[in-house]
Amino acid sequence: MRAVVQRVAEARVLVDGQVVGQIERGFLVLLGVRRGDTPEDAAYLARKIAALRVFPDPQGRMNLSLAEVGGEVLVVSQFTLYADTRKGNRPSFIEAASPDEGKRLYSQCIDFLLREGIHVETGVFQAQMQVHLVNDGPVTILLDSQDRHRPSRS
């Protein structure tokens, strides 16, 4: 699974002109599911998102997590995170999970975030959505559940 995590002052998602999810301070998470991803991938990303320390402490350093600042999360499904553009100009989405598999793991990731004590709002899976946000910083972090299998570069 992949997530683009943007620290936001506010974010909302609309479907057919109606707000379906809206948050104040927190993260907008664009979430993509890859073929073969598992509930362990969803749990890993939820833990990483909940624990990211990218909010400023009193000294202005990125040192605080969502829970420490009372932040919220808006999760929007984004299968296009698995676009393959190596051949030609029209992206291939062969690596993206099927809609059924994607929805199942998207929902599981949301459930894991809720278990972490995070307030979560969502878009509508497979809907045409308009996402509005005020990126705070800007701070944008890319997460990939496959990274848990790679050695760290510390």
Protein backbone atom coordinates (compact mmCIF):
# COMPACT_ATOMS: atom_id res chain seq x y z
CA MET A 1 0.00 0.00 0.00
CA ARG A 2 1.10 3.55 -0.65
CA ALA A 3 0.09 6.74 1.08
CA VAL A 4 0.75 10.36 0.28
CA VAL A 5 0.40 12.09 3.64
CA GLN A 6 -0.03 15.86 3.59
CA ARG A 7 -0.02 17.89 6.79
CA VAL A 8 -3.00 20.21 6.45
CA ALA A 9 -4.58 23.14 8.22
CA GLU A 10 -7.87 21.93 6.74
CA ALA A 11 -9.14 19.58 4.04
CA ARG A 12 -12.43 18.43 2.59
CA VAL A 13 -13.63 16.14 -0.15
CA LEU A 14 -16.75 16.63 -2.24
CA VAL A 15 -18.81 14.22 -4.31
CA ASP A 16 -21.42 15.73 -6.65
CA GLY A 17 -20.87 19.10 -4.99
CA GLN A 18 -21.61 17.79 -1.49
CA VAL A 19 -19.03 17.62 1.31
CA VAL A 20 -18.63 13.96 2.31
CA GLY A 21 -15.57 14.33 4.55
CA GLN A 22 -13.95 17.31 6.22
CA ILE A 23 -11.20 17.89 8.80
CA GLU A 24 -9.34 20.72 10.44
CA ARG A 25 -5.69 20.30 11.49
CA GLY A 26 -4.27 16.91 10.63
CA PHE A 27 -3.45 14.78 7.60
CA LEU A 28 -4.97 14.36 4.19
CA VAL A 29 -4.02 10.81 3.21
CA LEU A 30 -4.25 9.69 -0.42
CA LEU A 31 -4.24 5.89 -0.13
CA GLY A 32 -3.49 3.38 -2.89
CA VAL A 33 -3.74 -0.39 -2.65
CA ARG A 34 -1.49 -2.70 -4.69
CA ARG A 35 -2.33 -6.17 -5.91
CA GLY A 36 -1.32 -8.65 -3.23
CA ASP A 37 -1.39 -6.20 -0.33
CA THR A 38 -2.53 -7.68 2.98
CA PRO A 39 -4.10 -6.55 6.26
CA GLU A 40 -0.53 -6.35 7.60
CA ASP A 41 0.20 -3.65 4.99
CA ALA A 42 -2.88 -1.72 6.15
CA ALA A 43 -1.88 -2.03 9.82
CA TYR A 44 1.68 -0.92 9.07
CA LEU A 45 0.55 2.23 7.24
CA ALA A 46 -2.02 3.09 9.93
CA ARG A 47 0.64 2.81 12.64
CA LYS A 48 3.09 4.94 10.64
CA ILE A 49 0.47 7.60 9.90
CA ALA A 50 -0.64 7.78 13.53
CA ALA A 51 2.94 7.98 14.81
CA LEU A 52 4.41 10.46 12.29
CA ARG A 53 5.98 13.30 14.24
CA VAL A 54 5.66 16.17 11.78
CA PHE A 55 3.74 18.78 13.79
CA PRO A 56 5.73 21.61 15.37
CA ASP A 57 6.57 21.52 19.07
CA PRO A 58 6.88 24.78 21.09
CA GLN A 59 10.38 25.27 19.65
CA GLY A 60 9.05 24.97 16.10
CA ARG A 61 10.66 21.56 15.42
CA MET A 62 8.66 18.81 13.72
CA ASN A 63 8.35 16.63 16.80
CA LEU A 64 4.67 16.00 17.60
CA SER A 65 2.24 13.33 16.38
CA LEU A 66 -1.46 13.55 15.46
CA ALA A 67 -2.56 12.51 18.94
CA GLU A 68 -0.32 15.09 20.59
CA VAL A 69 -1.90 17.94 18.59
CA GLY A 70 -5.47 16.56 18.52
CA GLY A 71 -5.23 16.08 14.75
CA GLU A 72 -7.64 14.35 12.42
CA VAL A 73 -7.23 12.33 9.22
CA LEU A 74 -9.10 12.54 5.92
CA VAL A 75 -8.49 9.35 3.90
CA VAL A 76 -9.17 9.39 0.15
CA SER A 77 -8.77 6.30 -2.05
CA GLN A 78 -6.26 6.85 -4.84
CA PHE A 79 -5.59 3.84 -7.09
CA THR A 80 -3.58 6.10 -9.41
CA LEU A 81 -0.68 5.94 -6.90
CA TYR A 82 0.11 2.67 -8.69
CA ALA A 83 0.27 4.22 -12.16
CA ASP A 84 3.04 2.81 -14.33
CA THR A 85 4.20 5.37 -16.89
CA ARG A 86 7.40 3.66 -18.06
CA LYS A 87 5.91 2.72 -21.44
CA GLY A 88 4.16 5.39 -23.49
CA ASN A 89 2.14 8.28 -22.15
CA ARG A 90 -1.02 6.54 -21.02
CA PRO A 91 -0.59 5.16 -17.48
CA SER A 92 -1.12 1.48 -16.81
CA PHE A 93 -2.77 0.54 -13.54
CA ILE A 94 -2.04 -3.17 -13.64
CA GLU A 95 -0.30 -3.03 -10.23
CA ALA A 96 -3.38 -1.51 -8.54
CA ALA A 97 -5.63 -3.87 -6.61
CA SER A 98 -9.03 -4.87 -7.99
CA PRO A 99 -11.86 -2.64 -6.75
CA ASP A 100 -13.09 -5.30 -4.29
CA GLU A 101 -9.62 -5.94 -2.86
CA GLY A 102 -8.84 -2.22 -2.80
CA LYS A 103 -12.04 -1.33 -0.95
CA ARG A 104 -11.49 -4.10 1.62
CA LEU A 105 -7.94 -2.96 2.44
CA TYR A 106 -8.85 0.75 2.30
CA SER A 107 -11.56 0.04 4.89
CA GLN A 108 -9.16 -2.01 7.01
CA CYS A 109 -6.61 0.81 7.04
CA ILE A 110 -9.32 3.20 8.23
CA ASP A 111 -10.33 0.71 10.94
CA PHE A 112 -6.70 0.47 12.09
CA LEU A 113 -6.46 4.29 12.27
CA LEU A 114 -9.63 4.39 14.36
CA ARG A 115 -8.11 1.79 16.71
CA GLU A 116 -5.14 4.15 17.11
CA GLY A 117 -7.62 6.67 18.55
CA ILE A 118 -7.57 8.97 15.51
CA HIS A 119 -10.69 10.78 14.28
CA VAL A 120 -11.08 9.73 10.62
CA GLU A 121 -13.16 11.18 7.81
CA THR A 122 -13.24 9.65 4.31
CA GLY A 123 -14.02 10.19 0.71
CA VAL A 124 -16.27 7.76 -1.19
CA PHE A 125 -14.51 4.73 -2.64
CA GLN A 126 -14.57 4.72 -6.48
CA ALA A 127 -16.42 8.05 -6.67
CA GLN A 128 -15.34 11.05 -8.73
CA MET A 129 -14.16 13.40 -5.98
CA GLN A 130 -12.89 16.94 -5.64
CA VAL A 131 -10.32 17.32 -2.87
CA HIS A 132 -9.66 20.71 -1.31
CA LEU A 133 -6.80 21.28 1.12
CA VAL A 134 -4.58 23.84 2.71
CA ASN A 135 -1.20 22.11 2.93
CA ASP A 136 0.52 23.29 6.10
CA GLY A 137 4.25 23.80 5.66
CA PRO A 138 4.07 22.42 3.03
CA VAL A 139 4.74 19.00 4.50
CA THR A 140 4.19 15.95 2.30
CA ILE A 141 5.42 12.46 3.23
CA LEU A 142 5.39 9.37 1.02
CA LEU A 143 4.82 6.04 2.78
CA ASP A 144 4.95 2.58 1.24
CA SER A 145 4.17 -0.58 3.19
CA GLN A 146 6.90 -2.40 1.23
CA ASP A 147 9.45 -0.21 3.05
CA ARG A 148 9.02 -2.34 6.15
CA HIS A 149 10.91 -5.08 4.31
CA ARG A 150 13.84 -2.83 3.37
CA PRO A 151 16.77 -1.98 5.62
CA SER A 152 16.75 1.54 7.01
CA ARG A 153 19.37 4.06 5.90
CA SER A 154 20.01 5.57 9.32
